[in-house]
Structure formats: structure tokens, C-alpha cells
Amino acid sequence: MAKITESTSHYDGLERMSTSELLRSINAEDRTVADAVMLSIPQIEKLVDAIGERMMHGGRLFYMGAGTSGRLGIVDASECPPTFGVPPGLVIGIIAGGDKAIRKAVEFAEDDREQGWKDLQEHAVGKDDSVIGIAASGGTPYVLGVLETCRAKGILTAAITCNPDSPVTTVCDHPIVAVVGPEFVTGSTRMKSGTAQKLILNMISTSLMIKLGRVKGNRMVDMQLSNNKLIDRGTRMVMDNLQVSYEAANELLTTHGSVRKAIESGQKE
């Protein structure tokens, strides 16, 4: 079956383009990605509701992928604790080839159909957990194998791909397909496909964190205060919410150690 992600670019003679032509052409392609993702929102909605229900009962979310797809999952998972104050083990990204594959490709790691389940077992995965396989092509053996096993064991499964009717859509409960079309550089799925995957991951994790009560109004009230920029941001959140001076807000934040607790304390006074 022909893969859209491997189809020939709409552009040719790239090496003869000026810098301006290259940048404007890439940008023109990138502008189509959000529309492709929009069409998959009904699929994403069902998935978020299903995962949210499980997380309310203590379930975790796992992202599984190889190469760029695996790295995107790790990035999204790693940003949840500092942004939303959740434990590091709530959203977990796993990449084929292990952590060393984050920086450097591990040859043939994605071709092992059994390794994904082995990697997942290290986290004592259970039926309250959810597993999302990320594969732009939709045919990565590492992802296919782990989704097949998880689904057979009653674990909620989903996939994010950019090829309709690809194998990964048949081995999971919730296939999410964003058809972004040919890449600017033929087959380079780190471009539009990767952008679509990142947008979808943002939507999933952010929506889940909001549903778990980790956002108040539109603010990250549980974010980790791990540097001066974030302390300043937190102080201004407290200022705006309680209508107090910067100094008073900063004192409350320093005393209570979180935006949420500072606001709650200030409201009681």
C-alpha cells in the first residue's frame, strides 16, 4: 500500500531555490497542518475522554514511538511535571532503543516487534493505564507489537499517524489520523508529520491536565517554581488573582511554595 507520508513532494529542484523560496515554501506547507489536525478532533475528543476517566482512577498515560515520533512523546511527557505539577510517573514517554536513542539513532530498534511490550513491562503497566503509539508511517513494528499486546490484555490503546488505513489503525482502540500530505523534502516526516504529531500531543496532554484540575481559569497554578522566570510568573498570577502588590504576592508565594496554595491562603485572609 502506498504511504502518503512517503509520496513525492509538491516541490522539486530544492537545491536551486533561494533561501527565501525555501523558507516560504516550507511555511506554505506548514500552514496546512493545523487544518489536517482539525479534522481529527472528533477522534481526539473520544480518546481524551477515555483516558481522562482512567486517570481519575489512578491510571497513567504512556507514549510509545521510534525516532522522531518517540522523541516527541518524550518531550510532551517530560513537560507535564514542571508545567502542571504532576508526578513524573503520570505521563511517560518510551522510545525504541532506550534513552540513548533520544540523541542518536539506534539501528533497527524500531524493527523489533517484541521490545515495546518488554519496555512497557518495566513500568508494571495495568488495565487503568493508557498507551498511545506514535508512528507517522503507521507501520513501525515496535509500535504495532506493543499496541497489539496491550489491546489483547485490555489496556486502552490509541495511535497517532499520518497515513490513513495504515496497519497501526487496525491494532488500537482509538486511531487518530492527521493526513498532512507529502513532505517538503520527500519522506522527511520530521517536518509536517512531526508538527501534526506535536500539535495532537499538546491537545491530549493539556486537555487531560485541565480535566485533572491542574489549571485554574487559564493559569498553570500547579507549575513548579524551578527558576526566577517561573517565580516571577507565579507571583504575577497571585497578584492578578488576589489584587495585591507584587511584594505581597511574592511573600505569599514564597511562604506557601505554590501558586494554588498562595491564592487559597490569600482568599482566606
Protein backbone atom coordinates (compact mmCIF):
# COMPACT_ATOMS: atom_id res chain seq x y z
CA MET A 1 0.00 0.00 0.00
CA ALA A 2 1.34 3.43 -0.94
CA LYS A 3 2.10 5.70 2.02
CA ILE A 4 1.11 9.33 1.76
CA THR A 5 3.99 10.22 4.07
CA GLU A 6 6.41 8.73 1.51
CA SER A 7 4.82 10.29 -1.57
CA THR A 8 6.73 12.73 -3.74
CA SER A 9 6.96 16.35 -2.62
CA HIS A 10 4.90 19.02 -4.38
CA TYR A 11 8.22 20.83 -4.91
CA ASP A 12 11.32 19.89 -6.90
CA GLY A 13 14.74 21.34 -7.60
CA LEU A 14 15.04 22.33 -3.95
CA GLU A 15 18.80 22.78 -4.26
CA ARG A 16 18.21 25.52 -6.86
CA MET A 17 15.80 27.52 -4.68
CA SER A 18 16.86 30.75 -2.99
CA THR A 19 16.74 30.93 0.79
CA SER A 20 13.54 32.95 0.57
CA GLU A 21 11.93 30.40 -1.74
CA LEU A 22 12.86 27.56 0.60
CA LEU A 23 11.52 29.25 3.69
CA ARG A 24 8.29 30.45 2.10
CA SER A 25 7.63 27.05 0.56
CA ILE A 26 8.20 25.24 3.85
CA ASN A 27 5.93 27.73 5.60
CA ALA A 28 3.23 27.27 2.96
CA GLU A 29 3.27 23.53 3.65
CA ASP A 30 3.30 24.04 7.42
CA ARG A 31 0.16 26.19 7.24
CA THR A 32 -1.81 23.16 6.05
CA VAL A 33 -1.01 21.10 9.15
CA ALA A 34 -3.45 22.74 11.57
CA ASP A 35 -6.33 22.10 9.16
CA ALA A 36 -5.38 18.42 8.91
CA VAL A 37 -5.29 18.15 12.70
CA MET A 38 -8.65 19.90 12.97
CA LEU A 39 -10.29 17.09 11.00
CA SER A 40 -9.10 14.58 13.62
CA ILE A 41 -10.58 16.44 16.61
CA PRO A 42 -13.59 14.08 16.95
CA GLN A 43 -11.16 11.16 17.27
CA ILE A 44 -9.00 13.06 19.76
CA GLU A 45 -12.07 14.02 21.81
CA LYS A 46 -13.10 10.39 22.30
CA LEU A 47 -9.57 9.46 23.28
CA VAL A 48 -9.16 12.27 25.81
CA ASP A 49 -12.45 11.36 27.49
CA ALA A 50 -11.48 7.68 27.66
CA ILE A 51 -8.01 8.38 29.07
CA GLY A 52 -9.34 11.01 31.47
CA GLU A 53 -11.74 8.53 33.01
CA ARG A 54 -8.89 6.10 33.65
CA MET A 55 -6.57 8.76 35.03
CA MET A 56 -9.26 9.79 37.50
CA HIS A 57 -8.91 6.26 38.90
CA GLY A 58 -5.12 6.39 39.13
CA GLY A 59 -4.23 5.35 35.59
CA ARG A 60 -1.14 6.56 33.77
CA LEU A 61 -0.50 7.58 30.17
CA PHE A 62 2.30 6.07 28.09
CA TYR A 63 3.62 7.33 24.76
CA MET A 64 5.48 4.74 22.64
CA GLY A 65 7.38 5.52 19.47
CA ALA A 66 10.62 5.30 17.48
CA GLY A 67 12.84 8.04 16.11
CA THR A 68 11.21 11.46 15.81
CA SER A 69 7.86 10.08 16.96
CA GLY A 70 9.41 8.63 20.11
CA ARG A 71 11.25 11.86 20.86
CA LEU A 72 8.06 13.89 20.52
CA GLY A 73 6.34 11.64 23.05
CA ILE A 74 9.22 12.04 25.49
CA VAL A 75 9.17 15.82 25.11
CA ASP A 76 5.44 16.01 25.81
CA ALA A 77 5.66 13.65 28.80
CA SER A 78 8.66 15.45 30.29
CA GLU A 79 6.89 18.80 30.19
CA CYS A 80 3.88 17.67 32.25
CA PRO A 81 5.53 17.72 35.72
CA PRO A 82 7.03 21.23 35.51
CA THR A 83 4.01 22.70 33.74
CA PHE A 84 1.23 21.09 35.73
CA GLY A 85 2.91 19.86 38.92
CA VAL A 86 2.02 16.20 38.36
CA PRO A 87 4.33 13.33 39.41
CA PRO A 88 6.96 12.33 36.79
CA GLY A 89 5.40 8.86 36.52
CA LEU A 90 1.95 10.03 35.46
CA VAL A 91 2.79 10.62 31.78
CA ILE A 92 5.70 8.54 30.49
CA GLY A 93 7.44 8.62 27.12
CA ILE A 94 9.25 5.50 25.89
CA ILE A 95 11.41 5.39 22.76
CA ALA A 96 12.62 2.37 20.82
CA GLY A 97 16.28 1.82 21.64
CA GLY A 98 16.06 3.34 25.12
CA ASP A 99 17.15 6.74 26.37
CA LYS A 100 20.31 6.73 24.25
CA ALA A 101 18.03 6.89 21.18
CA ILE A 102 16.82 10.33 22.26
CA ARG A 103 20.04 11.88 20.94
CA LYS A 104 21.33 9.31 18.50
CA ALA A 105 19.51 6.84 16.27
CA VAL A 106 19.77 3.21 17.38
CA GLU A 107 19.94 0.97 14.31
CA PHE A 108 16.98 -1.35 13.77
CA ALA A 109 15.48 -0.60 17.20
CA GLU A 110 12.13 0.22 15.63
CA ASP A 111 12.03 -3.12 13.81
CA ASP A 112 11.73 -5.24 16.97
CA ARG A 113 8.06 -6.13 17.38
CA GLU A 114 8.53 -7.65 20.85
CA GLN A 115 10.66 -4.98 22.53
CA GLY A 116 7.88 -2.43 23.07
CA TRP A 117 5.96 -4.72 25.41
CA LYS A 118 9.21 -5.59 27.22
CA ASP A 119 9.93 -1.88 27.72
CA LEU A 120 6.41 -1.28 28.98
CA GLN A 121 6.56 -4.14 31.47
CA GLU A 122 9.35 -2.32 33.30
CA HIS A 123 6.64 0.13 34.41
CA ALA A 124 4.20 -2.55 35.61
CA VAL A 125 1.55 -1.41 33.13
CA GLY A 126 -2.02 -2.26 34.11
CA LYS A 127 -5.63 -2.02 32.94
CA ASP A 128 -6.15 1.51 34.32
CA ASP A 129 -3.29 2.74 32.13
CA SER A 130 -3.47 4.00 28.54
CA VAL A 131 -0.92 3.52 25.77
CA ILE A 132 -0.58 5.75 22.72
CA GLY A 133 1.62 4.54 19.87
CA ILE A 134 3.10 7.33 17.74
CA ALA A 135 4.09 6.40 14.18
CA ALA A 136 3.92 8.82 11.26
CA SER A 137 4.11 5.96 8.74
CA GLY A 138 1.71 3.80 10.73
CA GLY A 139 3.80 0.69 10.19
CA THR A 140 6.54 0.80 12.84
CA PRO A 141 6.92 -2.79 14.17
CA TYR A 142 7.94 -1.58 17.65
CA VAL A 143 4.66 0.35 17.94
CA LEU A 144 2.48 -2.28 16.26
CA GLY A 145 3.71 -5.01 18.58
CA VAL A 146 3.12 -3.12 21.81
CA LEU A 147 -0.36 -1.95 20.78
CA GLU A 148 -1.40 -5.47 19.78
CA THR A 149 -0.27 -6.89 23.12
CA CYS A 150 -1.79 -4.10 25.19
CA ARG A 151 -5.12 -4.34 23.42
CA ALA A 152 -5.21 -8.12 23.93
CA LYS A 153 -4.67 -7.54 27.65
CA GLY A 154 -7.49 -4.99 27.95
CA ILE A 155 -5.29 -1.89 28.17
CA LEU A 156 -6.66 1.19 26.39
CA THR A 157 -4.75 1.78 23.17
CA ALA A 158 -4.50 4.62 20.66
CA ALA A 159 -2.28 5.61 17.76
CA ILE A 160 -1.24 8.87 16.15
CA THR A 161 -0.35 8.50 12.47
CA CYS A 162 -0.38 10.45 9.23
CA ASN A 163 -1.30 7.57 6.91
CA PRO A 164 -4.97 6.54 6.66
CA ASP A 165 -5.66 2.80 6.66
CA SER A 166 -2.13 2.06 7.83
CA PRO A 167 -1.50 -1.06 9.96
CA VAL A 168 -1.40 0.88 13.22
CA THR A 169 -5.02 2.00 12.77
CA THR A 170 -6.17 -1.63 12.91
CA VAL A 171 -4.43 -2.64 16.15
CA CYS A 172 -5.72 0.02 18.56
CA ASP A 173 -8.96 1.25 20.08
CA HIS A 174 -8.57 4.89 19.09
CA PRO A 175 -6.74 5.62 15.80
CA ILE A 176 -6.00 9.31 15.25
CA VAL A 177 -5.10 10.12 11.66
CA ALA A 178 -3.86 13.53 10.52
CA VAL A 179 -3.36 13.41 6.76
CA VAL A 180 -0.85 16.18 6.11
CA GLY A 181 0.17 15.00 2.63
CA PRO A 182 3.65 14.80 1.08
CA GLU A 183 6.56 16.32 2.97
CA PHE A 184 8.50 19.29 1.55
CA VAL A 185 11.55 17.01 1.42
CA THR A 186 10.10 13.71 0.24
CA GLY A 187 9.70 11.27 3.12
CA SER A 188 11.10 13.61 5.79
CA THR A 189 8.38 13.01 8.36
CA ARG A 190 10.19 15.14 10.95
CA MET A 191 8.55 18.06 9.11
CA LYS A 192 4.76 18.24 8.62
CA SER A 193 4.03 14.84 10.13
CA GLY A 194 6.13 15.64 13.18
CA THR A 195 4.41 19.00 13.54
CA ALA A 196 0.99 17.36 13.38
CA GLN A 197 2.01 14.80 16.00
CA LYS A 198 3.29 17.55 18.30
CA LEU A 199 0.05 19.51 17.96
CA ILE A 200 -2.03 16.43 18.76
CA LEU A 201 0.13 15.55 21.77
CA ASN A 202 -0.25 19.12 23.04
CA MET A 203 -4.02 18.81 22.73
CA ILE A 204 -4.16 15.46 24.51
CA SER A 205 -1.92 16.25 27.47
CA THR A 206 -3.18 19.80 28.00
CA SER A 207 -6.83 18.73 27.90
CA LEU A 208 -6.14 15.89 30.32
CA MET A 209 -4.30 18.14 32.77
CA ILE A 210 -7.19 20.62 32.71
CA LYS A 211 -9.65 17.78 33.36
CA LEU A 212 -7.49 16.64 36.28
CA GLY A 213 -7.83 20.10 37.83
CA ARG A 214 -4.30 21.26 37.14
CA VAL A 215 -5.38 24.58 35.60
CA LYS A 216 -7.45 27.27 37.30
CA GLY A 217 -9.10 29.79 34.98
CA ASN A 218 -6.37 29.86 32.36
CA ARG A 219 -3.36 29.65 34.66
CA MET A 220 -0.83 26.91 35.47
CA VAL A 221 -1.43 27.14 39.21
CA ASP A 222 0.48 23.93 39.98
CA MET A 223 3.59 24.65 37.91
CA GLN A 224 6.97 24.01 39.51
CA LEU A 225 8.72 27.18 40.65
CA SER A 226 12.10 26.00 39.41
CA ASN A 227 13.68 29.25 38.21
CA ASN A 228 13.39 33.02 38.59
CA LYS A 229 11.27 33.41 35.47
CA LEU A 230 8.67 30.99 36.80
CA ILE A 231 8.74 32.55 40.27
CA ASP A 232 8.05 35.91 38.65
CA ARG A 233 5.23 34.38 36.57
CA GLY A 234 3.77 32.76 39.67
CA THR A 235 3.97 36.00 41.60
CA ARG A 236 2.06 37.83 38.88
CA MET A 237 -0.61 35.12 38.88
CA VAL A 238 -1.11 35.64 42.60
CA MET A 239 -1.12 39.44 42.09
CA ASP A 240 -3.80 39.28 39.41
CA ASN A 241 -5.98 36.82 41.31
CA LEU A 242 -5.87 38.50 44.72
CA GLN A 243 -5.41 42.08 43.53
CA VAL A 244 -2.40 42.63 45.81
CA SER A 245 1.02 44.20 45.29
CA TYR A 246 3.91 42.32 43.72
CA GLU A 247 5.71 42.24 47.06
CA ALA A 248 2.69 40.83 48.92
CA ALA A 249 2.10 38.24 46.20
CA ASN A 250 5.75 37.18 46.23
CA GLU A 251 5.69 36.80 50.01
CA LEU A 252 2.61 34.57 49.80
CA LEU A 253 4.22 32.51 47.04
CA THR A 254 7.47 32.13 48.99
CA THR A 255 5.61 31.13 52.13
CA HIS A 256 3.32 28.55 50.54
CA GLY A 257 5.53 27.25 47.72
CA SER A 258 2.86 27.09 45.01
CA VAL A 259 0.54 29.44 43.16
CA ARG A 260 -2.51 27.41 44.12
CA LYS A 261 -1.73 27.39 47.84
CA ALA A 262 -0.76 31.08 47.80
CA ILE A 263 -4.07 32.03 46.20
CA GLU A 264 -6.09 29.81 48.52
CA SER A 265 -4.33 31.28 51.57
CA GLY A 266 -4.82 34.84 50.34
CA GLN A 267 -8.52 34.26 49.75
CA LYS A 268 -8.95 33.14 53.36
CA GLU A 269 -7.35 36.27 54.79
